[in-house]
Amino acid sequence: MWDLFIKGGPVMFLLLGCSFIGLYVTILKVMFLSQNKLPNKSIKTIKQFLLSEGKAKTIQRLHQKQNLSSTIIGSSIKYSDLPLEEIEASLKSLTQKTVVKIDNGLNIISSIITVTPILGILGTVLGLMDIFNVISGGGIGQPELLSSGIAEALITTVSGLSVAIPFIFIYQWLTRENDLFLIDINLASSEIVRFCKSEGVQP
């Protein structure tokens, strides 16, 4: 395996670096989503706190958790005293800020998907240049030299695609998880606002 990697030439180190960066970003994104996701029973618990402790203490409890979902729900409770139009505008602004936070890192994965096949092509070109240098130097009868250039050309192309293709699926999956996160938190925020207004929750 290492021999094949070395035969691929210096471009292989760039592809390896892209793989590690992409994997690192993916792990961070998965951890972020798991830590900030709204648990299924949270809304029921928040409603109970609102009725028993009021808005101020519930918001304080939510901010102590220090995750994105709790912060957004806490802000929704704070906005619930405003007129309906102002609530919608405030929640829309909050959603836009949330999108920026949860999309952070996806641009890196997208860049890796774009760059790695190009790096593979670059390795192919470098390998072909080696082949032409061998031929122009009269080495057409030296199969070892020719095979080295061909190996570099083919290995980098395959490696570039092998890095890009898995990250395409990872990118699509993370994008879907982000969308689901936004849908869940928006529904939860709207539900909490309606609850505060309908139940007349005390400040």
C-alpha atoms as a PDB file:
ATOM      1  CA  MET A   1       0.000   0.000   0.000  1.00  0.00           C
ATOM      2  CA  TRP A   2       2.790   2.393   0.942  1.00  0.00           C
ATOM      3  CA  ASP A   3       4.634   1.530  -2.282  1.00  0.00           C
ATOM      4  CA  LEU A   4       1.566   2.539  -4.305  1.00  0.00           C
ATOM      5  CA  PHE A   5       1.306   5.754  -2.307  1.00  0.00           C
ATOM      6  CA  ILE A   6       4.942   6.643  -3.019  1.00  0.00           C
ATOM      7  CA  LYS A   7       4.554   5.813  -6.706  1.00  0.00           C
ATOM      8  CA  GLY A   8       1.743   8.348  -6.887  1.00  0.00           C
ATOM      9  CA  GLY A   9       4.235  11.143  -6.313  1.00  0.00           C
ATOM     10  CA  PRO A  10       3.980  14.347  -4.247  1.00  0.00           C
ATOM     11  CA  VAL A  11       0.324  14.936  -5.166  1.00  0.00           C
ATOM     12  CA  MET A  12      -0.588  11.963  -2.981  1.00  0.00           C
ATOM     13  CA  PHE A  13       0.496  13.887   0.122  1.00  0.00           C
ATOM     14  CA  LEU A  14      -1.877  16.705  -0.813  1.00  0.00           C
ATOM     15  CA  LEU A  15      -4.706  14.200  -1.279  1.00  0.00           C
ATOM     16  CA  LEU A  16      -3.889  12.605   2.077  1.00  0.00           C
ATOM     17  CA  GLY A  17      -3.981  16.041   3.713  1.00  0.00           C
ATOM     18  CA  CYS A  18      -7.389  16.736   2.156  1.00  0.00           C
ATOM     19  CA  SER A  19      -8.664  13.403   3.479  1.00  0.00           C
ATOM     20  CA  PHE A  20      -7.562  14.169   7.036  1.00  0.00           C
ATOM     21  CA  ILE A  21      -9.013  17.694   6.926  1.00  0.00           C
ATOM     22  CA  GLY A  22     -12.319  16.408   5.557  1.00  0.00           C
ATOM     23  CA  LEU A  23     -12.499  13.660   8.183  1.00  0.00           C
ATOM     24  CA  TYR A  24     -11.686  16.132  10.965  1.00  0.00           C
ATOM     25  CA  VAL A  25     -14.394  18.570   9.820  1.00  0.00           C
ATOM     26  CA  THR A  26     -16.918  15.715   9.496  1.00  0.00           C
ATOM     27  CA  ILE A  27     -16.241  14.554  13.063  1.00  0.00           C
ATOM     28  CA  LEU A  28     -16.625  18.122  14.368  1.00  0.00           C
ATOM     29  CA  LYS A  29     -19.924  18.533  12.495  1.00  0.00           C
ATOM     30  CA  VAL A  30     -21.325  15.250  13.815  1.00  0.00           C
ATOM     31  CA  MET A  31     -20.320  16.195  17.376  1.00  0.00           C
ATOM     32  CA  PHE A  32     -21.847  19.663  16.975  1.00  0.00           C
ATOM     33  CA  LEU A  33     -25.170  18.311  15.728  1.00  0.00           C
ATOM     34  CA  SER A  34     -25.373  15.628  18.417  1.00  0.00           C
ATOM     35  CA  GLN A  35     -24.566  18.095  21.213  1.00  0.00           C
ATOM     36  CA  ASN A  36     -26.992  20.783  19.999  1.00  0.00           C
ATOM     37  CA  LYS A  37     -29.891  18.616  18.888  1.00  0.00           C
ATOM     38  CA  LEU A  38     -33.166  19.132  20.728  1.00  0.00           C
ATOM     39  CA  PRO A  39     -34.124  15.986  22.729  1.00  0.00           C
ATOM     40  CA  ASN A  40     -37.616  14.609  22.095  1.00  0.00           C
ATOM     41  CA  LYS A  41     -38.926  15.278  25.612  1.00  0.00           C
ATOM     42  CA  SER A  42     -37.417  18.757  25.933  1.00  0.00           C
ATOM     43  CA  ILE A  43     -40.477  20.702  24.781  1.00  0.00           C
ATOM     44  CA  LYS A  44     -42.732  19.011  27.340  1.00  0.00           C
ATOM     45  CA  THR A  45     -40.197  19.715  30.094  1.00  0.00           C
ATOM     46  CA  ILE A  46     -39.820  23.361  29.025  1.00  0.00           C
ATOM     47  CA  LYS A  47     -43.601  23.813  29.103  1.00  0.00           C
ATOM     48  CA  GLN A  48     -43.704  22.433  32.645  1.00  0.00           C
ATOM     49  CA  PHE A  49     -40.959  24.838  33.728  1.00  0.00           C
ATOM     50  CA  LEU A  50     -42.797  27.752  32.118  1.00  0.00           C
ATOM     51  CA  LEU A  51     -45.971  26.981  34.043  1.00  0.00           C
ATOM     52  CA  SER A  52     -44.242  26.343  37.369  1.00  0.00           C
ATOM     53  CA  GLU A  53     -41.365  28.851  37.292  1.00  0.00           C
ATOM     54  CA  GLY A  54     -42.267  31.492  34.712  1.00  0.00           C
ATOM     55  CA  LYS A  55     -40.356  32.796  31.711  1.00  0.00           C
ATOM     56  CA  ALA A  56     -37.331  34.397  33.376  1.00  0.00           C
ATOM     57  CA  LYS A  57     -36.256  31.310  35.349  1.00  0.00           C
ATOM     58  CA  THR A  58     -36.942  29.021  32.386  1.00  0.00           C
ATOM     59  CA  ILE A  59     -34.769  31.187  30.116  1.00  0.00           C
ATOM     60  CA  GLN A  60     -32.042  31.109  32.780  1.00  0.00           C
ATOM     61  CA  ARG A  61     -32.229  27.307  32.920  1.00  0.00           C
ATOM     62  CA  LEU A  62     -31.989  27.055  29.142  1.00  0.00           C
ATOM     63  CA  HIS A  63     -28.970  29.366  28.911  1.00  0.00           C
ATOM     64  CA  GLN A  64     -27.161  27.265  31.515  1.00  0.00           C
ATOM     65  CA  LYS A  65     -27.188  24.320  29.096  1.00  0.00           C
ATOM     66  CA  GLN A  66     -25.036  26.343  26.676  1.00  0.00           C
ATOM     67  CA  ASN A  67     -26.127  24.648  23.483  1.00  0.00           C
ATOM     68  CA  LEU A  68     -27.649  26.123  20.352  1.00  0.00           C
ATOM     69  CA  SER A  69     -31.121  24.599  20.706  1.00  0.00           C
ATOM     70  CA  SER A  70     -31.531  25.831  24.275  1.00  0.00           C
ATOM     71  CA  THR A  71     -30.351  29.316  23.324  1.00  0.00           C
ATOM     72  CA  ILE A  72     -32.854  29.518  20.453  1.00  0.00           C
ATOM     73  CA  ILE A  73     -35.752  28.256  22.585  1.00  0.00           C
ATOM     74  CA  GLY A  74     -34.777  30.724  25.307  1.00  0.00           C
ATOM     75  CA  SER A  75     -34.813  33.558  22.781  1.00  0.00           C
ATOM     76  CA  SER A  76     -38.225  32.403  21.526  1.00  0.00           C
ATOM     77  CA  ILE A  77     -39.613  32.602  25.061  1.00  0.00           C
ATOM     78  CA  LYS A  78     -38.175  36.103  25.408  1.00  0.00           C
ATOM     79  CA  TYR A  79     -39.790  37.173  22.114  1.00  0.00           C
ATOM     80  CA  SER A  80     -43.185  35.719  23.063  1.00  0.00           C
ATOM     81  CA  ASP A  81     -44.274  38.995  24.694  1.00  0.00           C
ATOM     82  CA  LEU A  82     -43.870  40.894  21.421  1.00  0.00           C
ATOM     83  CA  PRO A  83     -46.596  41.402  18.801  1.00  0.00           C
ATOM     84  CA  LEU A  84     -46.943  38.532  16.302  1.00  0.00           C
ATOM     85  CA  GLU A  85     -45.247  40.381  13.412  1.00  0.00           C
ATOM     86  CA  GLU A  86     -42.247  41.269  15.575  1.00  0.00           C
ATOM     87  CA  ILE A  87     -42.001  37.669  16.788  1.00  0.00           C
ATOM     88  CA  GLU A  88     -41.889  36.401  13.200  1.00  0.00           C
ATOM     89  CA  ALA A  89     -39.208  38.945  12.259  1.00  0.00           C
ATOM     90  CA  SER A  90     -37.134  38.118  15.343  1.00  0.00           C
ATOM     91  CA  LEU A  91     -37.378  34.362  14.772  1.00  0.00           C
ATOM     92  CA  LYS A  92     -36.460  34.820  11.106  1.00  0.00           C
ATOM     93  CA  SER A  93     -33.353  36.779  12.081  1.00  0.00           C
ATOM     94  CA  LEU A  94     -32.475  34.128  14.663  1.00  0.00           C
ATOM     95  CA  THR A  95     -32.907  31.368  12.067  1.00  0.00           C
ATOM     96  CA  GLN A  96     -30.549  33.123   9.654  1.00  0.00           C
ATOM     97  CA  LYS A  97     -27.871  33.329  12.349  1.00  0.00           C
ATOM     98  CA  THR A  98     -28.447  29.659  13.160  1.00  0.00           C
ATOM     99  CA  VAL A  99     -27.991  28.669   9.503  1.00  0.00           C
ATOM    100  CA  VAL A 100     -24.575  30.353   9.487  1.00  0.00           C
ATOM    101  CA  LYS A 101     -23.524  28.426  12.601  1.00  0.00           C
ATOM    102  CA  ILE A 102     -24.686  24.986  11.528  1.00  0.00           C
ATOM    103  CA  ASP A 103     -23.393  25.374   7.961  1.00  0.00           C
ATOM    104  CA  ASN A 104     -19.924  26.203   9.250  1.00  0.00           C
ATOM    105  CA  GLY A 105     -17.477  23.633   7.866  1.00  0.00           C
ATOM    106  CA  LEU A 106     -19.618  22.453   4.962  1.00  0.00           C
ATOM    107  CA  ASN A 107     -17.777  24.835   2.624  1.00  0.00           C
ATOM    108  CA  ILE A 108     -14.525  23.040   3.496  1.00  0.00           C
ATOM    109  CA  ILE A 109     -15.990  19.655   2.576  1.00  0.00           C
ATOM    110  CA  SER A 110     -17.422  21.153  -0.622  1.00  0.00           C
ATOM    111  CA  SER A 111     -13.966  22.505  -1.511  1.00  0.00           C
ATOM    112  CA  ILE A 112     -12.394  19.088  -0.903  1.00  0.00           C
ATOM    113  CA  ILE A 113     -14.961  17.503  -3.241  1.00  0.00           C
ATOM    114  CA  THR A 114     -13.988  20.014  -5.926  1.00  0.00           C
ATOM    115  CA  VAL A 115     -10.223  20.101  -5.396  1.00  0.00           C
ATOM    116  CA  THR A 116      -9.300  16.423  -4.972  1.00  0.00           C
ATOM    117  CA  PRO A 117     -10.279  15.291  -8.512  1.00  0.00           C
ATOM    118  CA  ILE A 118      -8.332  18.266  -9.874  1.00  0.00           C
ATOM    119  CA  LEU A 119      -5.316  17.218  -7.825  1.00  0.00           C
ATOM    120  CA  GLY A 120      -5.748  13.739  -9.268  1.00  0.00           C
ATOM    121  CA  ILE A 121      -5.653  15.193 -12.774  1.00  0.00           C
ATOM    122  CA  LEU A 122      -2.555  17.206 -11.826  1.00  0.00           C
ATOM    123  CA  GLY A 123      -0.864  13.990 -10.738  1.00  0.00           C
ATOM    124  CA  THR A 124      -1.887  12.430 -14.042  1.00  0.00           C
ATOM    125  CA  VAL A 125      -0.306  15.282 -15.989  1.00  0.00           C
ATOM    126  CA  LEU A 126       2.904  15.042 -13.959  1.00  0.00           C
ATOM    127  CA  GLY A 127       3.015  11.295 -14.565  1.00  0.00           C
ATOM    128  CA  LEU A 128       2.522  11.791 -18.303  1.00  0.00           C
ATOM    129  CA  MET A 129       5.302  14.378 -18.314  1.00  0.00           C
ATOM    130  CA  ASP A 130       7.623  11.783 -16.804  1.00  0.00           C
ATOM    131  CA  ILE A 131       6.599   9.327 -19.496  1.00  0.00           C
ATOM    132  CA  PHE A 132       7.302  11.843 -22.263  1.00  0.00           C
ATOM    133  CA  ASN A 133      10.666  12.685 -20.704  1.00  0.00           C
ATOM    134  CA  VAL A 134      11.584   9.007 -20.727  1.00  0.00           C
ATOM    135  CA  ILE A 135      10.491   8.628 -24.355  1.00  0.00           C
ATOM    136  CA  SER A 136      12.262  11.806 -25.482  1.00  0.00           C
ATOM    137  CA  GLY A 137      15.430  10.625 -23.732  1.00  0.00           C
ATOM    138  CA  GLY A 138      15.404   7.442 -25.742  1.00  0.00           C
ATOM    139  CA  GLY A 139      14.074   5.359 -22.894  1.00  0.00           C
ATOM    140  CA  ILE A 140      11.194   3.851 -24.807  1.00  0.00           C
ATOM    141  CA  GLY A 141      12.868   0.494 -24.410  1.00  0.00           C
ATOM    142  CA  GLN A 142      13.074   0.877 -20.625  1.00  0.00           C
ATOM    143  CA  PRO A 143       9.806  -0.525 -19.287  1.00  0.00           C
ATOM    144  CA  GLU A 144      10.679   0.192 -15.643  1.00  0.00           C
ATOM    145  CA  LEU A 145      10.882   3.929 -16.247  1.00  0.00           C
ATOM    146  CA  LEU A 146       7.748   3.965 -18.379  1.00  0.00           C
ATOM    147  CA  SER A 147       5.729   1.957 -15.849  1.00  0.00           C
ATOM    148  CA  SER A 148       6.747   4.338 -13.040  1.00  0.00           C
ATOM    149  CA  GLY A 149       5.278   7.311 -14.907  1.00  0.00           C
ATOM    150  CA  ILE A 150       2.133   5.400 -15.851  1.00  0.00           C
ATOM    151  CA  ALA A 151       1.664   4.283 -12.232  1.00  0.00           C
ATOM    152  CA  GLU A 152       1.934   7.883 -10.991  1.00  0.00           C
ATOM    153  CA  ALA A 153      -0.567   9.017 -13.610  1.00  0.00           C
ATOM    154  CA  LEU A 154      -3.150   6.339 -12.790  1.00  0.00           C
ATOM    155  CA  ILE A 155      -2.751   6.210  -9.011  1.00  0.00           C
ATOM    156  CA  THR A 156      -3.340   9.931  -8.459  1.00  0.00           C
ATOM    157  CA  THR A 157      -6.440   9.940 -10.657  1.00  0.00           C
ATOM    158  CA  VAL A 158      -7.953   7.004  -8.788  1.00  0.00           C
ATOM    159  CA  SER A 159      -6.930   8.453  -5.417  1.00  0.00           C
ATOM    160  CA  GLY A 160      -8.436  11.852  -6.200  1.00  0.00           C
ATOM    161  CA  LEU A 161     -11.767  10.272  -7.084  1.00  0.00           C
ATOM    162  CA  SER A 162     -11.580   7.911  -4.101  1.00  0.00           C
ATOM    163  CA  VAL A 163     -11.300  10.900  -1.767  1.00  0.00           C
ATOM    164  CA  ALA A 164     -13.981  12.997  -3.487  1.00  0.00           C
ATOM    165  CA  ILE A 165     -16.718  10.367  -3.862  1.00  0.00           C
ATOM    166  CA  PRO A 166     -17.175   9.488  -0.137  1.00  0.00           C
ATOM    167  CA  PHE A 167     -17.202  13.164   0.785  1.00  0.00           C
ATOM    168  CA  ILE A 168     -19.997  13.783  -1.722  1.00  0.00           C
ATOM    169  CA  PHE A 169     -22.214  11.419   0.290  1.00  0.00           C
ATOM    170  CA  ILE A 170     -20.970  12.891   3.586  1.00  0.00           C
ATOM    171  CA  TYR A 171     -21.778  16.403   2.349  1.00  0.00           C
ATOM    172  CA  GLN A 172     -25.280  15.381   1.296  1.00  0.00           C
ATOM    173  CA  TRP A 173     -25.900  13.652   4.631  1.00  0.00           C
ATOM    174  CA  LEU A 174     -24.660  16.618   6.688  1.00  0.00           C
ATOM    175  CA  THR A 175     -26.745  19.022   4.600  1.00  0.00           C
ATOM    176  CA  ARG A 176     -29.828  16.886   5.260  1.00  0.00           C
ATOM    177  CA  GLU A 177     -29.072  16.738   8.998  1.00  0.00           C
ATOM    178  CA  ASN A 178     -28.678  20.531   9.064  1.00  0.00           C
ATOM    179  CA  ASP A 179     -32.033  20.960   7.317  1.00  0.00           C
ATOM    180  CA  LEU A 180     -33.731  18.606   9.787  1.00  0.00           C
ATOM    181  CA  PHE A 181     -32.123  20.458  12.688  1.00  0.00           C
ATOM    182  CA  LEU A 182     -33.509  23.770  11.406  1.00  0.00           C
ATOM    183  CA  ILE A 183     -36.974  22.323  10.841  1.00  0.00           C
ATOM    184  CA  ASP A 184     -37.078  20.812  14.351  1.00  0.00           C
ATOM    185  CA  ILE A 185     -35.875  23.963  16.075  1.00  0.00           C
ATOM    186  CA  ASN A 186     -38.231  26.219  14.097  1.00  0.00           C
ATOM    187  CA  LEU A 187     -41.220  24.005  14.922  1.00  0.00           C
ATOM    188  CA  ALA A 188     -40.184  23.881  18.568  1.00  0.00           C
ATOM    189  CA  SER A 189     -39.757  27.676  18.736  1.00  0.00           C
ATOM    190  CA  SER A 190     -43.175  28.278  17.192  1.00  0.00           C
ATOM    191  CA  GLU A 191     -44.781  25.762  19.554  1.00  0.00           C
ATOM    192  CA  ILE A 192     -43.222  27.401  22.615  1.00  0.00           C
ATOM    193  CA  VAL A 193     -44.310  30.884  21.486  1.00  0.00           C
ATOM    194  CA  ARG A 194     -47.896  29.678  20.952  1.00  0.00           C
ATOM    195  CA  PHE A 195     -47.845  27.971  24.341  1.00  0.00           C
ATOM    196  CA  CYS A 196     -46.645  31.126  26.113  1.00  0.00           C
ATOM    197  CA  LYS A 197     -49.391  33.184  24.504  1.00  0.00           C
ATOM    198  CA  SER A 198     -52.212  30.688  24.921  1.00  0.00           C
ATOM    199  CA  GLU A 199     -51.413  29.725  28.518  1.00  0.00           C
ATOM    200  CA  GLY A 200     -50.616  33.266  29.632  1.00  0.00           C
ATOM    201  CA  VAL A 201     -47.285  32.229  31.129  1.00  0.00           C
ATOM    202  CA  GLN A 202     -46.047  34.622  33.785  1.00  0.00           C
ATOM    203  CA  PRO A 203     -42.780  36.575  33.293  1.00  0.00           C
END
